[in-house]
């Protein structure tokens, strides 16, 4: 099959794709059409069915696998497919592995590195808490390995949560060496746990969408609740240590307007916020460059609040 990342303006589409999203809409002139998002393991692409009632447009819905025939064009700097014909496919006509975006890094190797960080923790209470999640809780381990770190912004793929968590932890390990006043055990434990709530906030692929609790509570609150539940099972866990750990989780987005219930009040919370923000933005920029078809200026990006450009050394 031809993957979405390989399409260019003017190409013709004739292959099977997962329907990530489908929604009816109406043009300014009152004409009905369908908004569709096609997905494979390399990413997604917007598509339109301008005449849903035309011959050759078969019935299908979100999360169906559909054979699509259409044309690729560039619209406002992004590629878009105009769908001409569709056919609902049956199980056996496609390999699901081709349609789920997966981390380019080895998931088992990344998880083994996380376990090495946990083994290096000296504080017995923090180590027990981490082991309760990452060694003893099989359901959590399965979800953590399979979860994405976001719906669309960064690390939106199978293994994305694990990859992001390890990157943040690596940055925090560097901070501990550069700034010895940081309490390493607290910071590393916070880094490993900072986004565990995303295992409940975002459903697994192929949906990869916000759950009811994800919309109502969010991963910061849910992650703090998960930590509180584990801590209650550990005899003698110091109250001040529990509060400092949970503060780091609650403050890791840095600002109230970014979803953190608290702003950082501990040096470790500041470090975690910086590491989380660094990895999120660097990965976001990486994915923008990977999906970019233009040279030079790429256009305004809301996350960076800037008109972004491809770097050249000429």
Protein backbone atom coordinates (compact mmCIF):
# COMPACT_ATOMS: atom_id res chain seq x y z
CA UNK A 1 0.00 0.00 0.00
CA UNK A 2 0.99 3.62 -0.37
CA UNK A 3 1.32 5.34 2.99
CA UNK A 4 -0.12 8.76 3.75
CA UNK A 5 3.32 10.28 4.41
CA UNK A 6 4.32 9.50 0.82
CA UNK A 7 1.51 11.42 -0.89
CA UNK A 8 2.16 14.64 -2.77
CA UNK A 9 0.01 17.26 -4.43
CA UNK A 10 -1.49 15.80 -7.62
CA UNK A 11 -1.27 12.14 -6.59
CA UNK A 12 -4.14 9.70 -7.03
CA UNK A 13 -5.37 7.64 -4.08
CA UNK A 14 -6.53 4.04 -4.53
CA UNK A 15 -5.96 2.01 -1.37
CA UNK A 16 -7.47 0.90 1.94
CA UNK A 17 -7.39 3.27 4.94
CA UNK A 18 -8.82 3.40 8.45
CA UNK A 19 -11.55 6.00 8.87
CA UNK A 20 -10.46 7.90 11.97
CA UNK A 21 -13.30 10.43 11.75
CA UNK A 22 -16.40 11.08 9.68
CA UNK A 23 -18.82 13.97 10.10
CA UNK A 24 -21.52 15.50 7.94
CA UNK A 25 -21.25 19.20 7.17
CA UNK A 26 -22.84 21.90 5.02
CA UNK A 27 -21.14 24.44 2.75
CA UNK A 28 -21.94 28.15 2.88
CA UNK A 29 -24.23 27.53 -0.09
CA UNK A 30 -26.20 24.88 1.82
CA UNK A 31 -24.75 21.86 0.00
CA UNK A 32 -24.13 18.75 2.10
CA UNK A 33 -20.70 17.09 2.20
CA UNK A 34 -18.69 14.77 4.46
CA UNK A 35 -15.56 15.60 6.46
CA UNK A 36 -13.37 12.49 6.71
CA UNK A 37 -9.97 11.80 8.26
CA UNK A 38 -8.03 8.89 6.75
CA UNK A 39 -5.37 7.16 8.87
CA UNK A 40 -2.53 4.71 8.48
CA UNK A 41 0.50 4.05 10.67
CA UNK A 42 2.35 7.04 9.19
CA UNK A 43 -0.28 9.60 10.09
CA UNK A 44 -3.57 11.12 8.97
CA UNK A 45 -4.87 13.20 6.10
CA UNK A 46 -8.03 15.28 5.77
CA UNK A 47 -10.48 14.22 3.09
CA UNK A 48 -13.79 15.47 1.70
CA UNK A 49 -16.72 13.76 -0.01
CA UNK A 50 -18.29 16.66 -1.84
CA UNK A 51 -21.29 14.65 -3.06
CA UNK A 52 -22.19 11.95 -0.50
CA UNK A 53 -25.05 10.72 -2.71
CA UNK A 54 -23.01 10.23 -5.86
CA UNK A 55 -22.60 6.80 -7.46
CA UNK A 56 -19.73 4.81 -6.02
CA UNK A 57 -19.86 6.29 -2.52
CA UNK A 58 -20.59 3.32 -0.27
CA UNK A 59 -21.84 3.35 3.31
CA UNK A 60 -19.15 3.45 6.00
CA UNK A 61 -18.55 4.96 9.42
CA UNK A 62 -15.81 5.96 11.86
CA UNK A 63 -13.29 3.14 12.57
CA UNK A 64 -14.25 1.23 9.43
CA UNK A 65 -11.59 0.13 6.96
CA UNK A 66 -12.48 1.55 3.56
CA UNK A 67 -11.03 1.33 0.07
CA UNK A 68 -10.74 4.92 -1.11
CA UNK A 69 -10.39 6.30 -4.61
CA UNK A 70 -9.68 10.01 -5.00
CA UNK A 71 -7.25 12.83 -5.74
CA UNK A 72 -4.72 14.63 -3.55
CA UNK A 73 -4.47 18.42 -3.65
CA UNK A 74 -2.92 21.15 -1.52
CA UNK A 75 -5.29 23.42 0.40
CA UNK A 76 -4.02 26.22 2.66
CA UNK A 77 -0.61 24.58 2.93
CA UNK A 78 -1.89 21.09 3.82
CA UNK A 79 -2.68 18.05 1.69
CA UNK A 80 -6.30 17.01 1.29
CA UNK A 81 -8.03 14.13 -0.49
CA UNK A 82 -11.12 14.61 -2.63
CA UNK A 83 -12.86 11.22 -2.40
CA UNK A 84 -14.59 9.99 -5.57
CA UNK A 85 -15.45 6.39 -4.66
CA UNK A 86 -15.42 4.22 -1.54
CA UNK A 87 -15.93 0.55 -0.67
CA UNK A 88 -16.34 -0.85 2.84
CA UNK A 89 -13.74 -3.57 3.39
CA UNK A 90 -14.12 -6.81 5.32
CA UNK A 91 -11.78 -8.39 7.84
CA UNK A 92 -8.99 -10.20 6.01
CA UNK A 93 -8.64 -7.57 3.29
CA UNK A 94 -6.27 -5.46 5.40
CA UNK A 95 -3.56 -5.78 8.03
CA UNK A 96 -4.42 -3.63 11.10
CA UNK A 97 -0.70 -3.17 11.78
CA UNK A 98 -0.53 -0.88 8.72
CA UNK A 99 -3.01 1.56 10.22
CA UNK A 100 -1.89 2.27 13.75
CA UNK A 101 0.92 4.83 14.15
CA UNK A 102 3.65 3.30 16.33
CA UNK A 103 6.76 4.75 17.96
CA UNK A 104 9.87 4.39 15.82
CA UNK A 105 11.70 3.31 18.98
CA UNK A 106 11.55 -0.18 20.48
CA UNK A 107 8.83 -0.23 23.14
CA UNK A 108 10.37 -3.05 25.20
CA UNK A 109 13.78 -1.35 25.20
CA UNK A 110 12.27 1.95 26.34
CA UNK A 111 10.33 0.25 29.10
CA UNK A 112 13.47 -1.56 30.28
CA UNK A 113 15.17 1.84 30.61
CA UNK A 114 12.27 3.14 32.70
CA UNK A 115 12.68 0.10 34.98
CA UNK A 116 16.40 0.90 35.34
CA UNK A 117 15.50 4.39 36.51
CA UNK A 118 13.09 2.89 39.05
CA UNK A 119 15.79 0.50 40.30
CA UNK A 120 18.10 3.49 40.85
CA UNK A 121 15.67 5.22 43.25
CA UNK A 122 17.05 5.11 46.80
CA UNK A 123 14.00 6.32 48.72
CA UNK A 124 12.17 3.15 49.74
CA UNK A 125 8.71 4.75 49.69
CA UNK A 126 9.05 6.24 46.21
CA UNK A 127 10.50 2.96 44.92
CA UNK A 128 7.58 0.97 46.36
CA UNK A 129 5.11 3.36 44.74
CA UNK A 130 6.82 3.12 41.34
CA UNK A 131 7.09 -0.67 41.53
CA UNK A 132 3.39 -0.90 42.40
CA UNK A 133 2.63 0.72 39.03
CA UNK A 134 5.39 -0.37 36.68
CA UNK A 135 6.20 -3.90 37.94
CA UNK A 136 3.15 -5.22 39.78
CA UNK A 137 0.13 -3.68 38.00
CA UNK A 138 -0.23 -5.69 34.76
CA UNK A 139 -3.26 -3.79 33.50
CA UNK A 140 -1.49 -0.46 34.00
CA UNK A 141 1.70 -1.73 32.31
CA UNK A 142 -0.24 -2.87 29.24
CA UNK A 143 -2.05 0.46 28.96
CA UNK A 144 1.10 2.51 29.59
CA UNK A 145 3.00 0.76 26.80
CA UNK A 146 0.14 1.11 24.31
CA UNK A 147 -1.03 4.66 25.09
CA UNK A 148 -0.30 7.82 23.15
CA UNK A 149 0.81 11.00 24.90
CA UNK A 150 -1.75 13.18 23.12
CA UNK A 151 -4.61 13.03 20.68
CA UNK A 152 -2.93 15.21 18.05
CA UNK A 153 -0.27 17.62 19.35
CA UNK A 154 2.78 15.42 20.06
CA UNK A 155 3.60 11.72 20.52
CA UNK A 156 0.17 10.80 19.14
CA UNK A 157 1.06 7.17 18.44
CA UNK A 158 1.23 3.75 20.10
CA UNK A 159 4.07 3.94 22.58
CA UNK A 160 3.95 7.73 22.56
CA UNK A 161 3.28 8.02 26.28
CA UNK A 162 6.23 5.75 27.07
CA UNK A 163 8.53 7.60 24.64
CA UNK A 164 7.55 11.01 26.05
CA UNK A 165 7.89 9.81 29.65
CA UNK A 166 11.38 8.44 29.02
CA UNK A 167 12.48 11.62 27.25
CA UNK A 168 11.25 13.76 30.15
CA UNK A 169 12.99 11.46 32.64
CA UNK A 170 16.25 11.64 30.67
CA UNK A 171 16.09 15.44 30.75
CA UNK A 172 15.42 15.39 34.49
CA UNK A 173 18.41 13.10 35.03
CA UNK A 174 20.56 15.69 33.24
CA UNK A 175 19.09 18.47 35.41
CA UNK A 176 20.01 16.52 38.55
CA UNK A 177 23.64 16.39 37.44
CA UNK A 178 23.70 20.05 36.37
CA UNK A 179 21.88 21.33 39.47
CA UNK A 180 22.88 19.18 42.48
CA UNK A 181 20.39 20.89 44.81
CA UNK A 182 17.58 18.99 43.08
CA UNK A 183 16.29 15.98 45.03
CA UNK A 184 16.92 13.29 42.43
CA UNK A 185 14.59 10.63 43.81
CA UNK A 186 11.65 13.02 43.93
CA UNK A 187 12.31 14.48 40.48
CA UNK A 188 12.86 11.14 38.73
CA UNK A 189 9.80 9.60 40.40
CA UNK A 190 7.74 12.64 39.38
CA UNK A 191 9.02 12.47 35.81
CA UNK A 192 8.12 8.80 35.47
CA UNK A 193 4.63 9.41 36.90
CA UNK A 194 3.83 12.84 35.52
CA UNK A 195 1.54 11.66 32.72
CA UNK A 196 0.24 8.31 34.02
CA UNK A 197 -3.26 9.80 34.03
CA UNK A 198 -3.17 9.71 30.24
CA UNK A 199 -3.74 5.95 30.42
CA UNK A 200 -7.27 6.93 31.52
CA UNK A 201 -7.63 10.28 29.76
CA UNK A 202 -7.20 9.01 26.19
CA UNK A 203 -8.59 5.74 24.83
CA UNK A 204 -6.28 3.28 23.10
CA UNK A 205 -5.94 3.10 19.34
CA UNK A 206 -7.63 3.01 16.94
CA UNK A 207 -9.95 5.47 18.74
CA UNK A 208 -7.22 7.52 20.49
CA UNK A 209 -9.83 9.96 21.73
CA UNK A 210 -10.71 11.59 25.04
CA UNK A 211 -12.71 9.44 27.44
CA UNK A 212 -15.57 10.81 29.54
CA UNK A 213 -13.26 11.14 32.54
CA UNK A 214 -10.61 12.62 30.28
CA UNK A 215 -12.97 15.42 29.31
CA UNK A 216 -14.41 15.88 32.80
CA UNK A 217 -11.25 15.54 34.92
CA UNK A 218 -8.11 15.50 32.76
CA UNK A 219 -4.90 13.53 33.14
CA UNK A 220 -3.34 15.77 35.81
CA UNK A 221 -6.18 15.21 38.27
CA UNK A 222 -6.56 11.53 37.40
CA UNK A 223 -2.82 10.91 37.66
CA UNK A 224 -2.73 12.52 41.10
CA UNK A 225 -5.65 10.32 42.18
CA UNK A 226 -3.86 7.22 40.90
CA UNK A 227 -0.75 8.12 42.91
CA UNK A 228 -2.85 8.75 46.02
CA UNK A 229 -4.44 5.31 45.66
CA UNK A 230 -1.03 3.58 45.50
CA UNK A 231 0.38 5.62 48.37
CA UNK A 232 -2.49 4.57 50.64
CA UNK A 233 -1.39 0.94 50.17
CA UNK A 234 2.18 1.67 51.41
CA UNK A 235 2.55 1.61 55.19
CA UNK A 236 4.29 4.65 56.65
CA UNK A 237 4.53 6.69 53.44
CA UNK A 238 5.52 10.16 54.73
CA UNK A 239 2.79 12.75 54.31
CA UNK A 240 5.20 15.54 53.28
CA UNK A 241 6.80 13.31 50.64
CA UNK A 242 3.36 12.38 49.29
CA UNK A 243 2.37 16.05 49.11
CA UNK A 244 5.59 17.06 47.34
CA UNK A 245 5.24 14.24 44.82
CA UNK A 246 1.63 15.12 44.08
CA UNK A 247 2.52 18.82 43.86
CA UNK A 248 5.04 18.05 41.10
CA UNK A 249 2.32 16.23 39.15
CA UNK A 250 -0.28 18.95 39.73
CA UNK A 251 2.13 21.71 38.66
CA UNK A 252 3.87 20.06 35.71
CA UNK A 253 2.09 22.18 33.07
CA UNK A 254 3.51 25.24 34.79
CA UNK A 255 0.63 27.68 34.44
CA UNK A 256 -3.01 27.70 35.53
CA UNK A 257 -4.12 28.56 31.99
CA UNK A 258 -2.31 25.47 30.69
CA UNK A 259 -4.31 23.16 32.94
CA UNK A 260 -2.18 22.94 36.07
CA UNK A 261 -4.20 23.31 39.30
CA UNK A 262 -1.05 24.67 40.96
CA UNK A 263 1.97 26.66 39.78
CA UNK A 264 5.38 25.15 40.65
CA UNK A 265 6.46 25.84 44.24
CA UNK A 266 9.32 23.33 44.46
CA UNK A 267 12.60 23.35 42.55
CA UNK A 268 11.77 19.82 41.37
CA UNK A 269 8.38 20.96 40.10
CA UNK A 270 10.04 23.74 38.09
CA UNK A 271 12.51 21.24 36.60
CA UNK A 272 9.71 18.80 35.70
CA UNK A 273 7.70 21.55 34.02
CA UNK A 274 10.72 22.61 31.96
CA UNK A 275 11.51 19.03 30.93
CA UNK A 276 7.90 18.31 29.98
CA UNK A 277 7.61 21.53 27.98
CA UNK A 278 10.95 20.97 26.24
CA UNK A 279 10.13 17.46 25.07
CA UNK A 280 6.57 18.35 24.03
CA UNK A 281 7.70 21.31 21.91
CA UNK A 282 10.73 19.60 20.37
CA UNK A 283 8.63 16.57 19.41
CA UNK A 284 5.87 18.81 18.05
CA UNK A 285 8.39 20.67 15.88
CA UNK A 286 9.90 17.35 14.79
CA UNK A 287 6.51 16.05 13.67
CA UNK A 288 5.75 19.33 11.87
CA UNK A 289 8.98 19.00 9.91
CA UNK A 290 8.33 15.33 9.15
CA UNK A 291 4.88 16.13 7.75
CA UNK A 292 5.91 19.32 6.00
CA UNK A 293 5.80 19.44 2.19
CA UNK A 294 6.91 23.05 1.87
CA UNK A 295 10.39 24.56 1.92
CA UNK A 296 11.13 27.71 3.84
CA UNK A 297 8.22 29.19 5.78
CA UNK A 298 5.60 26.71 7.03
CA UNK A 299 2.99 29.18 8.32
CA UNK A 300 1.70 30.33 11.70
CA UNK A 301 1.51 27.75 14.49
CA UNK A 302 -0.71 28.39 17.52
CA UNK A 303 1.38 26.34 19.95
CA UNK A 304 4.56 28.29 19.18
CA UNK A 305 2.70 31.55 18.47
CA UNK A 306 5.02 32.12 15.54
CA UNK A 307 5.36 31.72 11.81
CA UNK A 308 7.65 28.68 11.61
CA UNK A 309 10.40 28.03 9.08
CA UNK A 310 12.43 25.07 7.90
CA UNK A 311 16.07 25.62 8.88
CA UNK A 312 18.58 25.98 6.04
CA UNK A 313 22.36 26.37 6.17
CA UNK A 314 22.77 28.02 2.79
